[in-house]
């Protein structure tokens, strides 16, 4: 479990880099983080598969109850339970950062879609006049900024 905790900590660090890249609009950092993240996900998936196989071979279910039952039967059960708690805490941290990153990505996508719609003269993209009221069509005349 120690290897998995270390990999998860690396994963958290990559998610934090990704978040920094998303916040700073740094495409290079986002790309680098995504590449690192993919490699770590493969490694974490492999460890998870190996754990599930080991539990099944030992006659336990591969869910949390099976893992808890397996740990309870080990001589070093206290140490293993503590490691599992650390693993779950780091996994929870990764999940929260990943959730936030997902929101940042969705916000960026909406902004990009609105910008493209405006540039292409889409009727559904609101803009605002001098009086602060929403106008459709890219401006008071409804003319397009570009033509395709």
C-alpha atoms as a PDB file:
ATOM      1  CA  UNK A   1       0.000   0.000   0.000  1.00  0.00           C
ATOM      2  CA  UNK A   2       2.966   2.287   0.496  1.00  0.00           C
ATOM      3  CA  UNK A   3       3.672   2.358  -3.254  1.00  0.00           C
ATOM      4  CA  UNK A   4       0.073   3.220  -3.975  1.00  0.00           C
ATOM      5  CA  UNK A   5       0.112   6.060  -1.436  1.00  0.00           C
ATOM      6  CA  UNK A   6       3.283   7.453  -3.014  1.00  0.00           C
ATOM      7  CA  UNK A   7       1.730   7.264  -6.497  1.00  0.00           C
ATOM      8  CA  UNK A   8      -1.426   8.956  -5.249  1.00  0.00           C
ATOM      9  CA  UNK A   9       0.647  11.758  -3.727  1.00  0.00           C
ATOM     10  CA  UNK A  10       2.356  12.186  -7.100  1.00  0.00           C
ATOM     11  CA  UNK A  11      -1.091  12.221  -8.694  1.00  0.00           C
ATOM     12  CA  UNK A  12      -2.245  14.970  -6.301  1.00  0.00           C
ATOM     13  CA  UNK A  13       0.842  17.019  -7.201  1.00  0.00           C
ATOM     14  CA  UNK A  14       0.061  16.624 -10.919  1.00  0.00           C
ATOM     15  CA  UNK A  15      -3.567  17.633 -10.338  1.00  0.00           C
ATOM     16  CA  UNK A  16      -2.321  20.720  -8.512  1.00  0.00           C
ATOM     17  CA  UNK A  17      -0.052  21.534 -11.483  1.00  0.00           C
ATOM     18  CA  UNK A  18      -2.999  21.065 -13.804  1.00  0.00           C
ATOM     19  CA  UNK A  19      -5.082  23.394 -11.652  1.00  0.00           C
ATOM     20  CA  UNK A  20      -2.342  26.029 -11.701  1.00  0.00           C
ATOM     21  CA  UNK A  21      -2.181  25.721 -15.492  1.00  0.00           C
ATOM     22  CA  UNK A  22      -5.951  26.034 -15.804  1.00  0.00           C
ATOM     23  CA  UNK A  23      -6.009  29.080 -13.544  1.00  0.00           C
ATOM     24  CA  UNK A  24      -3.112  30.760 -15.381  1.00  0.00           C
ATOM     25  CA  UNK A  25      -4.412  29.700 -18.816  1.00  0.00           C
ATOM     26  CA  UNK A  26      -1.052  27.992 -19.449  1.00  0.00           C
ATOM     27  CA  UNK A  27      -1.669  25.485 -22.249  1.00  0.00           C
ATOM     28  CA  UNK A  28       1.832  24.004 -22.007  1.00  0.00           C
ATOM     29  CA  UNK A  29       1.431  23.287 -18.282  1.00  0.00           C
ATOM     30  CA  UNK A  30      -2.020  21.797 -18.839  1.00  0.00           C
ATOM     31  CA  UNK A  31      -0.665  19.516 -21.584  1.00  0.00           C
ATOM     32  CA  UNK A  32       2.318  18.417 -19.489  1.00  0.00           C
ATOM     33  CA  UNK A  33       0.093  17.735 -16.484  1.00  0.00           C
ATOM     34  CA  UNK A  34      -2.361  15.765 -18.619  1.00  0.00           C
ATOM     35  CA  UNK A  35       0.428  13.586 -19.967  1.00  0.00           C
ATOM     36  CA  UNK A  36       1.812  12.936 -16.470  1.00  0.00           C
ATOM     37  CA  UNK A  37      -1.683  12.292 -15.156  1.00  0.00           C
ATOM     38  CA  UNK A  38      -2.345   9.639 -17.812  1.00  0.00           C
ATOM     39  CA  UNK A  39       0.802   7.718 -16.854  1.00  0.00           C
ATOM     40  CA  UNK A  40      -0.043   7.831 -13.156  1.00  0.00           C
ATOM     41  CA  UNK A  41      -3.612   6.688 -13.804  1.00  0.00           C
ATOM     42  CA  UNK A  42      -2.260   3.649 -15.671  1.00  0.00           C
ATOM     43  CA  UNK A  43       0.048   2.795 -12.761  1.00  0.00           C
ATOM     44  CA  UNK A  44      -2.693   3.302 -10.159  1.00  0.00           C
ATOM     45  CA  UNK A  45      -5.076   1.172 -12.189  1.00  0.00           C
ATOM     46  CA  UNK A  46      -2.489  -1.616 -12.355  1.00  0.00           C
ATOM     47  CA  UNK A  47      -1.984  -1.549  -8.580  1.00  0.00           C
ATOM     48  CA  UNK A  48      -5.754  -1.614  -8.043  1.00  0.00           C
ATOM     49  CA  UNK A  49      -6.102  -4.609 -10.367  1.00  0.00           C
ATOM     50  CA  UNK A  50      -3.311  -6.432  -8.532  1.00  0.00           C
ATOM     51  CA  UNK A  51      -4.976  -5.713  -5.163  1.00  0.00           C
ATOM     52  CA  UNK A  52      -8.315  -7.019  -6.420  1.00  0.00           C
ATOM     53  CA  UNK A  53      -6.699 -10.187  -7.750  1.00  0.00           C
ATOM     54  CA  UNK A  54      -4.849 -10.754  -4.461  1.00  0.00           C
ATOM     55  CA  UNK A  55      -8.046 -10.302  -2.459  1.00  0.00           C
ATOM     56  CA  UNK A  56      -9.962 -12.668  -4.730  1.00  0.00           C
ATOM     57  CA  UNK A  57      -7.207 -15.305  -4.562  1.00  0.00           C
ATOM     58  CA  UNK A  58      -7.308 -15.071  -0.764  1.00  0.00           C
ATOM     59  CA  UNK A  59     -11.087 -15.626  -0.818  1.00  0.00           C
ATOM     60  CA  UNK A  60     -12.208 -12.060  -0.069  1.00  0.00           C
ATOM     61  CA  UNK A  61     -14.495  -9.765  -1.994  1.00  0.00           C
ATOM     62  CA  UNK A  62     -12.773  -6.967  -3.882  1.00  0.00           C
ATOM     63  CA  UNK A  63     -14.800  -4.188  -2.252  1.00  0.00           C
ATOM     64  CA  UNK A  64     -14.071  -2.175   0.884  1.00  0.00           C
ATOM     65  CA  UNK A  65     -15.651  -4.835   3.137  1.00  0.00           C
ATOM     66  CA  UNK A  66     -13.368  -7.499   1.650  1.00  0.00           C
ATOM     67  CA  UNK A  67     -10.316  -5.298   2.094  1.00  0.00           C
ATOM     68  CA  UNK A  68     -11.249  -4.563   5.709  1.00  0.00           C
ATOM     69  CA  UNK A  69     -11.786  -8.278   6.384  1.00  0.00           C
ATOM     70  CA  UNK A  70      -8.422  -9.112   4.798  1.00  0.00           C
ATOM     71  CA  UNK A  71      -6.627  -6.471   6.878  1.00  0.00           C
ATOM     72  CA  UNK A  72      -8.299  -7.666  10.092  1.00  0.00           C
ATOM     73  CA  UNK A  73      -6.827 -11.156   9.566  1.00  0.00           C
ATOM     74  CA  UNK A  74      -3.250  -9.941   9.108  1.00  0.00           C
ATOM     75  CA  UNK A  75      -0.639  -9.908  11.880  1.00  0.00           C
ATOM     76  CA  UNK A  76       0.164  -6.274  11.146  1.00  0.00           C
ATOM     77  CA  UNK A  77      -3.522  -5.266  10.887  1.00  0.00           C
ATOM     78  CA  UNK A  78      -3.101  -2.012  12.836  1.00  0.00           C
ATOM     79  CA  UNK A  79      -0.331  -0.793  10.539  1.00  0.00           C
ATOM     80  CA  UNK A  80      -2.276  -1.859   7.422  1.00  0.00           C
ATOM     81  CA  UNK A  81      -5.438  -0.120   8.664  1.00  0.00           C
ATOM     82  CA  UNK A  82      -3.442   3.072   9.208  1.00  0.00           C
ATOM     83  CA  UNK A  83      -2.001   2.817   5.701  1.00  0.00           C
ATOM     84  CA  UNK A  84      -5.481   2.305   4.306  1.00  0.00           C
ATOM     85  CA  UNK A  85      -6.663   5.410   6.152  1.00  0.00           C
ATOM     86  CA  UNK A  86      -3.765   7.410   4.641  1.00  0.00           C
ATOM     87  CA  UNK A  87      -4.520   5.990   1.210  1.00  0.00           C
ATOM     88  CA  UNK A  88      -8.177   6.963   1.470  1.00  0.00           C
ATOM     89  CA  UNK A  89      -7.303  10.455   2.709  1.00  0.00           C
ATOM     90  CA  UNK A  90      -4.955  11.096  -0.221  1.00  0.00           C
ATOM     91  CA  UNK A  91      -7.525   9.609  -2.637  1.00  0.00           C
ATOM     92  CA  UNK A  92     -10.139  11.969  -1.206  1.00  0.00           C
ATOM     93  CA  UNK A  93      -7.798  14.914  -1.732  1.00  0.00           C
ATOM     94  CA  UNK A  94      -7.192  13.834  -5.335  1.00  0.00           C
ATOM     95  CA  UNK A  95     -10.919  13.473  -5.908  1.00  0.00           C
ATOM     96  CA  UNK A  96     -11.622  16.994  -4.613  1.00  0.00           C
ATOM     97  CA  UNK A  97      -8.877  18.617  -6.704  1.00  0.00           C
ATOM     98  CA  UNK A  98     -10.036  16.676  -9.766  1.00  0.00           C
ATOM     99  CA  UNK A  99     -13.622  17.843  -9.154  1.00  0.00           C
ATOM    100  CA  UNK A 100     -12.476  21.476  -8.991  1.00  0.00           C
ATOM    101  CA  UNK A 101     -10.352  21.044 -12.126  1.00  0.00           C
ATOM    102  CA  UNK A 102     -13.386  19.654 -13.915  1.00  0.00           C
ATOM    103  CA  UNK A 103     -15.348  22.772 -12.989  1.00  0.00           C
ATOM    104  CA  UNK A 104     -12.520  24.993 -14.235  1.00  0.00           C
ATOM    105  CA  UNK A 105     -12.435  23.091 -17.524  1.00  0.00           C
ATOM    106  CA  UNK A 106     -16.212  23.370 -17.958  1.00  0.00           C
ATOM    107  CA  UNK A 107     -16.061  27.123 -17.262  1.00  0.00           C
ATOM    108  CA  UNK A 108     -13.280  27.511 -19.833  1.00  0.00           C
ATOM    109  CA  UNK A 109     -15.264  25.521 -22.402  1.00  0.00           C
ATOM    110  CA  UNK A 110     -18.359  27.685 -21.922  1.00  0.00           C
ATOM    111  CA  UNK A 111     -16.257  30.828 -22.280  1.00  0.00           C
ATOM    112  CA  UNK A 112     -14.586  29.496 -25.435  1.00  0.00           C
ATOM    113  CA  UNK A 113     -17.922  28.476 -26.958  1.00  0.00           C
ATOM    114  CA  UNK A 114     -19.364  31.915 -26.230  1.00  0.00           C
ATOM    115  CA  UNK A 115     -16.317  33.608 -27.725  1.00  0.00           C
ATOM    116  CA  UNK A 116     -16.497  31.479 -30.864  1.00  0.00           C
ATOM    117  CA  UNK A 117     -20.193  32.130 -31.157  1.00  0.00           C
ATOM    118  CA  UNK A 118     -19.585  35.850 -30.923  1.00  0.00           C
ATOM    119  CA  UNK A 119     -16.778  35.800 -33.467  1.00  0.00           C
ATOM    120  CA  UNK A 120     -18.843  33.753 -35.887  1.00  0.00           C
ATOM    121  CA  UNK A 121     -21.866  35.998 -35.416  1.00  0.00           C
ATOM    122  CA  UNK A 122     -24.045  33.398 -33.764  1.00  0.00           C
ATOM    123  CA  UNK A 123     -27.503  34.589 -32.788  1.00  0.00           C
ATOM    124  CA  UNK A 124     -27.410  32.891 -29.395  1.00  0.00           C
ATOM    125  CA  UNK A 125     -24.374  34.735 -28.067  1.00  0.00           C
ATOM    126  CA  UNK A 126     -25.416  37.679 -25.910  1.00  0.00           C
ATOM    127  CA  UNK A 127     -23.469  40.927 -25.949  1.00  0.00           C
ATOM    128  CA  UNK A 128     -24.264  44.061 -24.021  1.00  0.00           C
ATOM    129  CA  UNK A 129     -25.071  47.559 -25.235  1.00  0.00           C
ATOM    130  CA  UNK A 130     -24.168  50.898 -23.628  1.00  0.00           C
ATOM    131  CA  UNK A 131     -27.246  50.673 -21.436  1.00  0.00           C
ATOM    132  CA  UNK A 132     -26.155  47.283 -20.060  1.00  0.00           C
ATOM    133  CA  UNK A 133     -28.958  45.335 -21.717  1.00  0.00           C
ATOM    134  CA  UNK A 134     -28.241  42.084 -23.539  1.00  0.00           C
ATOM    135  CA  UNK A 135     -28.288  42.184 -27.333  1.00  0.00           C
ATOM    136  CA  UNK A 136     -28.089  39.263 -29.695  1.00  0.00           C
ATOM    137  CA  UNK A 137     -26.172  38.996 -32.928  1.00  0.00           C
ATOM    138  CA  UNK A 138     -22.866  40.618 -32.014  1.00  0.00           C
ATOM    139  CA  UNK A 139     -23.870  44.269 -31.806  1.00  0.00           C
ATOM    140  CA  UNK A 140     -26.544  46.864 -32.422  1.00  0.00           C
ATOM    141  CA  UNK A 141     -26.585  46.317 -36.161  1.00  0.00           C
ATOM    142  CA  UNK A 142     -26.497  42.520 -35.882  1.00  0.00           C
ATOM    143  CA  UNK A 143     -23.527  42.446 -38.278  1.00  0.00           C
ATOM    144  CA  UNK A 144     -20.946  39.699 -38.027  1.00  0.00           C
ATOM    145  CA  UNK A 145     -17.348  40.405 -37.092  1.00  0.00           C
ATOM    146  CA  UNK A 146     -16.181  37.730 -39.485  1.00  0.00           C
ATOM    147  CA  UNK A 147     -17.578  35.738 -42.330  1.00  0.00           C
ATOM    148  CA  UNK A 148     -16.901  32.116 -42.979  1.00  0.00           C
END
